[in-house]
Amino acid sequence: MDTKQSAETHCIVNSGLVSRPEGNDLRKGELKRTPFSKFKKVNSNFKSPLQVTPSAKVSPAEEVVQLERRKEQLDTEIAQLEAEGYRVEELDHHIAKLHEYNDIKDIGQSLLGRIAALRGTTTRDLYSHFGLELDD
């Protein structure tokens, strides 16, 4: 360990940020962030939740076949929904109304938050005061 690294380690250890364990618990020059943690996973390696197994990989030709099959299934579902009376324009209208509702609800939540801050209370208390349902 060179002099500069030793001085930095000494400063960190003596500042109380890291307590140096006795013995050879650490590799030479390495400091752990949580040296005495009872949880082993704290210092484990990161494992991505999006891991692709080698067996899951398919060739481009197989992928095209799978995508064409999926497209046919979706076309069949669309045809079935249209036969039941659903229209794409109606769906677009409902989506637009849901966006409008969410925007209005966000504004209402913001106003409740500001009123609660001015009154020094919680928004939960204001719900009952204004006759609103918590799960709405």
N, C-alpha and C. Protein backbone atom coordinates (compact mmCIF):
# COMPACT_ATOMS: atom_id res chain seq x y z
N MET A 1 0.87 -1.16 0.00
CA MET A 1 0.00 0.00 0.00
C MET A 1 0.92 1.23 0.00
N ASP A 2 0.66 2.17 -0.90
CA ASP A 2 1.53 3.35 -0.95
C ASP A 2 1.16 4.31 0.17
N THR A 3 1.98 5.36 0.34
CA THR A 3 1.81 6.30 1.44
C THR A 3 0.50 7.06 1.35
N LYS A 4 0.13 7.49 0.13
CA LYS A 4 -1.10 8.27 -0.05
C LYS A 4 -2.32 7.41 0.31
N GLN A 5 -2.35 6.17 -0.20
CA GLN A 5 -3.48 5.30 0.08
C GLN A 5 -3.54 4.97 1.57
N SER A 6 -2.39 4.80 2.17
CA SER A 6 -2.35 4.51 3.60
C SER A 6 -2.89 5.68 4.41
N ALA A 7 -2.54 6.91 4.01
CA ALA A 7 -3.02 8.10 4.70
C ALA A 7 -4.54 8.23 4.54
N GLU A 8 -5.05 7.94 3.31
CA GLU A 8 -6.49 8.02 3.10
C GLU A 8 -7.22 6.98 3.94
N THR A 9 -6.68 5.77 3.98
CA THR A 9 -7.29 4.71 4.78
C THR A 9 -7.27 5.10 6.25
N HIS A 10 -6.15 5.64 6.70
CA HIS A 10 -6.02 6.06 8.09
C HIS A 10 -7.05 7.13 8.43
N CYS A 11 -7.25 8.11 7.51
CA CYS A 11 -8.21 9.18 7.74
C CYS A 11 -9.63 8.63 7.80
N ILE A 12 -9.96 7.72 6.89
CA ILE A 12 -11.31 7.17 6.87
C ILE A 12 -11.55 6.35 8.12
N VAL A 13 -10.59 5.52 8.48
CA VAL A 13 -10.75 4.66 9.64
C VAL A 13 -10.83 5.49 10.92
N ASN A 14 -9.97 6.48 11.07
CA ASN A 14 -9.94 7.26 12.29
C ASN A 14 -11.07 8.29 12.36
N SER A 15 -11.72 8.57 11.23
CA SER A 15 -12.83 9.53 11.27
C SER A 15 -14.10 8.90 11.81
N GLY A 16 -14.09 7.59 11.97
CA GLY A 16 -15.26 6.92 12.50
C GLY A 16 -16.20 6.44 11.41
N LEU A 17 -15.87 6.70 10.14
CA LEU A 17 -16.73 6.25 9.06
C LEU A 17 -16.65 4.73 8.89
N VAL A 18 -15.47 4.19 9.08
CA VAL A 18 -15.27 2.75 8.94
C VAL A 18 -14.43 2.29 10.11
N SER A 19 -14.85 1.25 10.77
CA SER A 19 -14.02 0.70 11.82
C SER A 19 -13.28 -0.49 11.26
N ARG A 20 -12.01 -0.51 11.39
CA ARG A 20 -11.17 -1.54 10.81
C ARG A 20 -11.20 -2.78 11.70
N PRO A 21 -11.57 -3.93 11.17
CA PRO A 21 -11.60 -5.14 11.98
C PRO A 21 -10.19 -5.64 12.26
N GLU A 22 -10.08 -6.35 13.34
CA GLU A 22 -8.80 -6.95 13.69
C GLU A 22 -8.62 -8.20 12.84
N GLY A 23 -7.41 -8.52 12.51
CA GLY A 23 -7.14 -9.74 11.77
C GLY A 23 -7.13 -9.50 10.28
N ASN A 24 -7.31 -10.59 9.52
CA ASN A 24 -7.21 -10.53 8.06
C ASN A 24 -8.58 -10.65 7.40
N ASP A 25 -9.59 -9.95 7.91
CA ASP A 25 -10.93 -10.01 7.34
C ASP A 25 -11.00 -9.30 6.00
N LEU A 26 -10.14 -8.35 5.75
CA LEU A 26 -10.16 -7.60 4.51
C LEU A 26 -8.94 -7.94 3.68
N ARG A 27 -9.11 -7.90 2.35
CA ARG A 27 -7.95 -8.04 1.48
C ARG A 27 -7.10 -6.79 1.62
N LYS A 28 -5.87 -6.91 1.24
CA LYS A 28 -4.93 -5.80 1.41
C LYS A 28 -5.44 -4.54 0.70
N GLY A 29 -5.62 -3.46 1.47
CA GLY A 29 -6.00 -2.16 0.90
C GLY A 29 -7.49 -2.03 0.61
N GLU A 30 -8.29 -3.04 0.91
CA GLU A 30 -9.72 -2.98 0.59
C GLU A 30 -10.53 -2.62 1.83
N LEU A 31 -11.44 -1.67 1.67
CA LEU A 31 -12.35 -1.31 2.76
C LEU A 31 -13.76 -1.69 2.35
N LYS A 32 -14.50 -2.27 3.26
CA LYS A 32 -15.89 -2.59 2.99
C LYS A 32 -16.75 -1.46 3.51
N ARG A 33 -17.89 -1.27 2.88
CA ARG A 33 -18.79 -0.23 3.36
C ARG A 33 -19.50 -0.67 4.63
N THR A 34 -19.82 -1.94 4.71
CA THR A 34 -20.47 -2.47 5.91
C THR A 34 -19.67 -3.68 6.39
N PRO A 35 -18.54 -3.44 7.07
CA PRO A 35 -17.64 -4.54 7.39
C PRO A 35 -18.19 -5.56 8.37
N PHE A 36 -19.10 -5.20 9.24
CA PHE A 36 -19.57 -6.12 10.25
C PHE A 36 -21.05 -6.44 10.09
N SER A 37 -21.55 -6.42 8.87
CA SER A 37 -22.96 -6.68 8.63
C SER A 37 -23.27 -8.15 8.88
N LYS A 38 -24.40 -8.41 9.52
CA LYS A 38 -24.81 -9.79 9.74
C LYS A 38 -25.52 -10.35 8.51
N PHE A 39 -25.82 -9.48 7.53
CA PHE A 39 -26.48 -9.92 6.32
C PHE A 39 -25.43 -10.19 5.25
N LYS A 40 -25.36 -11.41 4.76
CA LYS A 40 -24.34 -11.76 3.78
C LYS A 40 -24.60 -11.12 2.43
N LYS A 41 -25.85 -10.87 2.07
CA LYS A 41 -26.18 -10.35 0.75
C LYS A 41 -25.77 -8.89 0.58
N VAL A 42 -25.41 -8.20 1.63
CA VAL A 42 -25.03 -6.79 1.52
C VAL A 42 -23.83 -6.63 0.61
N ASN A 43 -22.90 -7.56 0.69
CA ASN A 43 -21.67 -7.45 -0.09
C ASN A 43 -21.64 -8.41 -1.28
N SER A 44 -22.78 -8.97 -1.68
CA SER A 44 -22.81 -9.91 -2.79
C SER A 44 -22.78 -9.14 -4.11
N ASN A 45 -22.45 -9.86 -5.17
CA ASN A 45 -22.40 -9.26 -6.50
C ASN A 45 -23.80 -8.94 -6.98
N PHE A 46 -23.92 -7.93 -7.85
CA PHE A 46 -25.20 -7.52 -8.42
C PHE A 46 -25.62 -8.55 -9.46
N LYS A 47 -26.88 -8.95 -9.40
CA LYS A 47 -27.43 -9.87 -10.39
C LYS A 47 -28.60 -9.18 -11.06
N SER A 48 -28.49 -9.00 -12.35
CA SER A 48 -29.53 -8.32 -13.10
C SER A 48 -30.80 -9.16 -13.15
N PRO A 49 -31.96 -8.52 -12.97
CA PRO A 49 -33.21 -9.28 -13.07
C PRO A 49 -33.55 -9.65 -14.51
N LEU A 50 -32.85 -9.06 -15.47
CA LEU A 50 -33.12 -9.31 -16.88
C LEU A 50 -32.06 -10.20 -17.49
N GLN A 51 -31.90 -11.37 -16.94
CA GLN A 51 -30.90 -12.30 -17.46
C GLN A 51 -31.54 -13.20 -18.51
N VAL A 52 -30.84 -13.38 -19.61
CA VAL A 52 -31.31 -14.23 -20.69
C VAL A 52 -30.51 -15.51 -20.64
N THR A 53 -31.22 -16.62 -20.53
CA THR A 53 -30.52 -17.90 -20.51
C THR A 53 -30.15 -18.28 -21.93
N PRO A 54 -29.05 -19.00 -22.11
CA PRO A 54 -28.63 -19.38 -23.46
C PRO A 54 -29.69 -20.19 -24.20
N SER A 55 -30.48 -21.00 -23.48
CA SER A 55 -31.50 -21.82 -24.13
C SER A 55 -32.68 -20.97 -24.62
N ALA A 56 -32.83 -19.75 -24.08
CA ALA A 56 -33.95 -18.89 -24.47
C ALA A 56 -33.70 -18.19 -25.80
N LYS A 57 -32.46 -18.18 -26.27
CA LYS A 57 -32.14 -17.50 -27.52
C LYS A 57 -32.66 -18.34 -28.69
N VAL A 58 -33.29 -17.67 -29.65
CA VAL A 58 -33.80 -18.35 -30.83
C VAL A 58 -33.20 -17.69 -32.06
N SER A 59 -33.22 -18.42 -33.14
CA SER A 59 -32.67 -17.87 -34.38
C SER A 59 -33.63 -16.83 -34.93
N PRO A 60 -33.15 -15.94 -35.77
CA PRO A 60 -34.03 -14.91 -36.34
C PRO A 60 -35.20 -15.50 -37.12
N ALA A 61 -34.98 -16.61 -37.82
CA ALA A 61 -36.07 -17.23 -38.59
C ALA A 61 -37.15 -17.75 -37.65
N GLU A 62 -36.74 -18.38 -36.54
CA GLU A 62 -37.72 -18.88 -35.57
C GLU A 62 -38.47 -17.73 -34.92
N GLU A 63 -37.76 -16.63 -34.67
CA GLU A 63 -38.40 -15.46 -34.07
C GLU A 63 -39.45 -14.87 -35.00
N VAL A 64 -39.15 -14.84 -36.30
CA VAL A 64 -40.11 -14.33 -37.29
C VAL A 64 -41.36 -15.20 -37.30
N VAL A 65 -41.16 -16.52 -37.25
CA VAL A 65 -42.31 -17.44 -37.24
C VAL A 65 -43.16 -17.21 -36.00
N GLN A 66 -42.52 -17.07 -34.84
CA GLN A 66 -43.25 -16.83 -33.60
C GLN A 66 -44.02 -15.51 -33.66
N LEU A 67 -43.38 -14.46 -34.19
CA LEU A 67 -44.04 -13.16 -34.29
C LEU A 67 -45.22 -13.20 -35.26
N GLU A 68 -45.09 -13.94 -36.37
CA GLU A 68 -46.21 -14.07 -37.31
C GLU A 68 -47.38 -14.81 -36.66
N ARG A 69 -47.05 -15.84 -35.88
CA ARG A 69 -48.09 -16.58 -35.17
C ARG A 69 -48.81 -15.68 -34.17
N ARG A 70 -48.03 -14.86 -33.45
CA ARG A 70 -48.61 -13.93 -32.47
C ARG A 70 -49.49 -12.89 -33.16
N LYS A 71 -49.05 -12.41 -34.34
CA LYS A 71 -49.83 -11.43 -35.09
C LYS A 71 -51.17 -12.03 -35.53
N GLU A 72 -51.16 -13.29 -35.96
CA GLU A 72 -52.40 -13.96 -36.35
C GLU A 72 -53.34 -14.09 -35.15
N GLN A 73 -52.81 -14.42 -33.98
CA GLN A 73 -53.64 -14.52 -32.77
C GLN A 73 -54.28 -13.18 -32.43
N LEU A 74 -53.48 -12.11 -32.51
CA LEU A 74 -54.00 -10.78 -32.19
C LEU A 74 -55.05 -10.35 -33.21
N ASP A 75 -54.82 -10.65 -34.49
CA ASP A 75 -55.82 -10.32 -35.52
C ASP A 75 -57.14 -11.05 -35.26
N THR A 76 -57.04 -12.31 -34.82
CA THR A 76 -58.24 -13.08 -34.50
C THR A 76 -58.98 -12.46 -33.32
N GLU A 77 -58.23 -12.04 -32.29
CA GLU A 77 -58.85 -11.40 -31.12
C GLU A 77 -59.52 -10.08 -31.50
N ILE A 78 -58.86 -9.31 -32.35
CA ILE A 78 -59.43 -8.03 -32.80
C ILE A 78 -60.73 -8.28 -33.56
N ALA A 79 -60.73 -9.27 -34.45
CA ALA A 79 -61.93 -9.58 -35.22
C ALA A 79 -63.06 -10.02 -34.29
N GLN A 80 -62.72 -10.80 -33.27
CA GLN A 80 -63.74 -11.26 -32.32
C GLN A 80 -64.33 -10.07 -31.55
N LEU A 81 -63.49 -9.14 -31.10
CA LEU A 81 -63.98 -7.98 -30.37
C LEU A 81 -64.84 -7.08 -31.26
N GLU A 82 -64.45 -6.92 -32.50
CA GLU A 82 -65.25 -6.11 -33.43
C GLU A 82 -66.59 -6.78 -33.70
N ALA A 83 -66.60 -8.12 -33.74
CA ALA A 83 -67.87 -8.84 -33.94
C ALA A 83 -68.79 -8.67 -32.73
N GLU A 84 -68.20 -8.46 -31.55
CA GLU A 84 -68.99 -8.25 -30.34
C GLU A 84 -69.47 -6.81 -30.21
N GLY A 85 -69.06 -5.93 -31.14
CA GLY A 85 -69.57 -4.57 -31.13
C GLY A 85 -68.58 -3.52 -30.66
N TYR A 86 -67.36 -3.91 -30.34
CA TYR A 86 -66.36 -2.93 -29.91
C TYR A 86 -65.75 -2.25 -31.12
N ARG A 87 -65.47 -0.93 -30.97
CA ARG A 87 -64.86 -0.18 -32.06
C ARG A 87 -63.59 0.50 -31.57
N VAL A 88 -62.61 0.66 -32.44
CA VAL A 88 -61.34 1.29 -32.09
C VAL A 88 -61.56 2.74 -31.68
N GLU A 89 -62.47 3.43 -32.37
CA GLU A 89 -62.74 4.83 -32.05
C GLU A 89 -63.28 4.97 -30.62
N GLU A 90 -64.13 4.01 -30.22
CA GLU A 90 -64.70 4.02 -28.88
C GLU A 90 -63.58 3.83 -27.84
N LEU A 91 -62.65 2.95 -28.14
CA LEU A 91 -61.52 2.72 -27.23
C LEU A 91 -60.67 3.98 -27.11
N ASP A 92 -60.40 4.64 -28.23
CA ASP A 92 -59.63 5.89 -28.19
C ASP A 92 -60.33 6.95 -27.35
N HIS A 93 -61.66 7.01 -27.45
CA HIS A 93 -62.44 7.96 -26.66
C HIS A 93 -62.30 7.66 -25.16
N HIS A 94 -62.40 6.39 -24.80
CA HIS A 94 -62.27 6.00 -23.38
C HIS A 94 -60.87 6.30 -22.85
N ILE A 95 -59.87 6.06 -23.67
CA ILE A 95 -58.49 6.34 -23.25
C ILE A 95 -58.31 7.84 -23.02
N ALA A 96 -58.86 8.66 -23.92
CA ALA A 96 -58.77 10.12 -23.76
C ALA A 96 -59.46 10.57 -22.48
N LYS A 97 -60.63 9.99 -22.19
CA LYS A 97 -61.35 10.33 -20.96
C LYS A 97 -60.57 9.90 -19.71
N LEU A 98 -59.93 8.75 -19.76
CA LEU A 98 -59.12 8.30 -18.62
C LEU A 98 -57.93 9.24 -18.38
N HIS A 99 -57.31 9.70 -19.46
CA HIS A 99 -56.21 10.67 -19.31
C HIS A 99 -56.72 11.96 -18.67
N GLU A 100 -57.86 12.42 -19.11
CA GLU A 100 -58.44 13.64 -18.54
C GLU A 100 -58.76 13.45 -17.06
N TYR A 101 -59.35 12.31 -16.72
CA TYR A 101 -59.67 11.99 -15.32
C TYR A 101 -58.41 11.98 -14.47
N ASN A 102 -57.35 11.33 -14.97
CA ASN A 102 -56.10 11.25 -14.20
C ASN A 102 -55.48 12.63 -14.01
N ASP A 103 -55.55 13.47 -15.03
CA ASP A 103 -55.01 14.83 -14.89
C ASP A 103 -55.77 15.62 -13.83
N ILE A 104 -57.10 15.51 -13.85
CA ILE A 104 -57.92 16.22 -12.85
C ILE A 104 -57.65 15.68 -11.46
N LYS A 105 -57.53 14.35 -11.34
CA LYS A 105 -57.27 13.74 -10.04
C LYS A 105 -55.91 14.19 -9.50
N ASP A 106 -54.89 14.27 -10.38
CA ASP A 106 -53.56 14.74 -9.96
C ASP A 106 -53.63 16.17 -9.44
N ILE A 107 -54.39 17.02 -10.10
CA ILE A 107 -54.54 18.41 -9.66
C ILE A 107 -55.23 18.45 -8.30
N GLY A 108 -56.27 17.63 -8.13
CA GLY A 108 -56.96 17.56 -6.85
C GLY A 108 -56.04 17.08 -5.73
N GLN A 109 -55.21 16.07 -6.01
CA GLN A 109 -54.27 15.58 -5.01
C GLN A 109 -53.27 16.67 -4.63
N SER A 110 -52.81 17.41 -5.62
CA SER A 110 -51.88 18.50 -5.36
C SER A 110 -52.51 19.57 -4.47
N LEU A 111 -53.77 19.92 -4.78
CA LEU A 111 -54.47 20.91 -3.97
C LEU A 111 -54.68 20.42 -2.54
N LEU A 112 -55.05 19.15 -2.38
CA LEU A 112 -55.22 18.59 -1.04
C LEU A 112 -53.90 18.63 -0.27
N GLY A 113 -52.82 18.34 -0.96
CA GLY A 113 -51.51 18.40 -0.31
C GLY A 113 -51.16 19.80 0.16
N ARG A 114 -51.46 20.79 -0.66
CA ARG A 114 -51.19 22.18 -0.27
C ARG A 114 -52.07 22.63 0.90
N ILE A 115 -53.34 22.25 0.84
CA ILE A 115 -54.25 22.60 1.95
C ILE A 115 -53.78 21.94 3.24
N ALA A 116 -53.39 20.68 3.14
CA ALA A 116 -52.92 19.96 4.32
C ALA A 116 -51.67 20.63 4.89
N ALA A 117 -50.76 21.07 4.02
CA ALA A 117 -49.55 21.74 4.50
C ALA A 117 -49.89 23.07 5.18
N LEU A 118 -50.82 23.82 4.62
CA LEU A 118 -51.22 25.09 5.22
C LEU A 118 -51.91 24.90 6.57
N ARG A 119 -52.71 23.85 6.68
CA ARG A 119 -53.42 23.58 7.93
C ARG A 119 -52.58 22.79 8.94
N GLY A 120 -51.46 22.30 8.50
CA GLY A 120 -50.61 21.52 9.40
C GLY A 120 -51.19 20.16 9.73
N THR A 121 -51.85 19.55 8.77
CA THR A 121 -52.47 18.24 8.98
C THR A 121 -52.06 17.31 7.84
N THR A 122 -52.64 16.14 7.80
CA THR A 122 -52.32 15.18 6.74
C THR A 122 -53.43 15.19 5.70
N THR A 123 -53.10 14.72 4.50
CA THR A 123 -54.12 14.62 3.47
C THR A 123 -55.17 13.59 3.84
N ARG A 124 -54.78 12.57 4.61
CA ARG A 124 -55.73 11.56 5.07
C ARG A 124 -56.84 12.20 5.90
N ASP A 125 -56.47 13.15 6.77
CA ASP A 125 -57.47 13.84 7.56
C ASP A 125 -58.39 14.69 6.69
N LEU A 126 -57.84 15.28 5.64
CA LEU A 126 -58.65 16.11 4.75
C LEU A 126 -59.65 15.27 3.96
N TYR A 127 -59.30 14.03 3.66
CA TYR A 127 -60.24 13.17 2.94
C TYR A 127 -61.54 13.05 3.72
N SER A 128 -61.43 12.75 5.01
CA SER A 128 -62.65 12.61 5.80
C SER A 128 -63.35 13.96 5.96
N HIS A 129 -62.58 15.05 6.06
CA HIS A 129 -63.16 16.38 6.22
C HIS A 129 -64.01 16.76 5.00
N PHE A 130 -63.53 16.41 3.79
CA PHE A 130 -64.25 16.76 2.57
C PHE A 130 -65.17 15.65 2.09
N GLY A 131 -65.27 14.55 2.85
CA GLY A 131 -66.17 13.46 2.47
C GLY A 131 -65.66 12.63 1.31
N LEU A 132 -64.35 12.49 1.19
CA LEU A 132 -63.76 11.71 0.11
C LEU A 132 -63.39 10.32 0.61
N GLU A 133 -63.38 9.35 -0.29
CA GLU A 133 -62.99 7.99 0.04
C GLU A 133 -61.47 7.84 -0.15
N LEU A 134 -60.80 7.16 0.77
CA LEU A 134 -59.36 6.99 0.68
C LEU A 134 -58.95 6.13 -0.50
N ASP A 135 -59.76 5.15 -0.87
CA ASP A 135 -59.39 4.26 -1.95
C ASP A 135 -59.89 4.74 -3.32
N ASP A 136 -60.38 5.94 -3.41
CA ASP A 136 -60.85 6.49 -4.68
C ASP A 136 -59.70 7.09 -5.46
